[in-house]
Amino acid sequence: MGIVAKSGKAAKSARGKRSTAGVIEVPAGTRPDGPVEGIYYIDTGDCELLHDPDNTNGWLLKINGVLSSHIDLADPLFLDFEYMRWIAALVESRWPREAKPKLRALHLGGGACSMARYFHAAYPDARQVVVELDGKLAGYVRNWFDLPKAPLLRIRVGEAREVTETLTPDTRDLIIRDVFAGAYTPRALTTREFNAHADAVLAPDGLYVVNSGDAPDLKNARADAATIADTFEHTMIIADPPMLKGRRYGNMIMAGSHVPFGDDPTLARRLLGGAVPAHIWNDAQVRAFAAGTPVRHDAPQPAPVPPAA
């Protein structure tokens, strides 16, 4: 999780704020009993837990100084980050909540598990796996926020690509890629080869969703779009107009599927009604946006050196 389009006072008021609680040392073999404001050392650096000054039940998580997640302990269906609301709207357009589907979801990138927590509340029969690189962070998050237990929600510690490559084909309905190192997703998770692994893991009617962060030049977004469009028969982009026009830093939600997205007026109205109104680009618009942009590929591997004679 990197660049985020945020809504509400909580994320805005936390920008630049530093906890006054200092570094909290958690003795080995013990676990925190609920969230406590402060800075915590994790495997990849440090994270900072901040109480939301505008929401008595809200908590904000920064990872290495970057605002990553928001959790409302009283309401798992409240998503403070607008891009997460867009993802939720898209998923619920494909799988209406009233149908009570047994959704099988894979989340690449954990943070505070905001989206996994949301989908557990929206789809109580869902089975979800969250892949998180930082094991110590995963342990903190599970205890801070009282996440559902396995098999409803499992947190698997590991690198997202390596884990994805080990999964059995046709075992997930939904994959969400929301992994960032700074402002951008690691390249290994953005290539055509990785997309092929994700596609194989998905069911035939599955949905691949990515959070694509970018600067106003939109070079990264075009490359993401080109690569997804090269993998999937049908594509979609959700973003607010300033982002689509390259007027700010922010997020685009991109999706790929082998099933048409269709024209859902309820989805369009829901996206327009948010605090940051968003538009939908259909498959033709996505492909026009990506036209002429090279598809990303893994770096070529060097040829093996033959043994000396």
Foldseek 3Di string as FASTA:
>chain_A
DAFFAFDDPQVVVCQPDADPPEEDDDDPPDADQADDFYWYQFPVGIKTWDARPVANQKIWIDDPNGTDAMQRLVDLQDGGTLVLVLVVLLVCLVPPLVVLDQAEEEEEADQLNSNLSNVCVSRVNYFYEYEHQIPVRVRRSCNHRVGDDPRNYHYHHDHRQVVLQPAAFQAHQEYEYDADDHQAHPLVCQALVSLQSVNRNHHQFHKYKYKGWDALVCLSVLQSLVSLVVNAVWKKKKDAVCNVNSNGTHIIMMMGHNDASDDDVVSQVSQCPDPRRIHMDTRVRSCVSNPPRDHHHPDDDDDDDDDDD
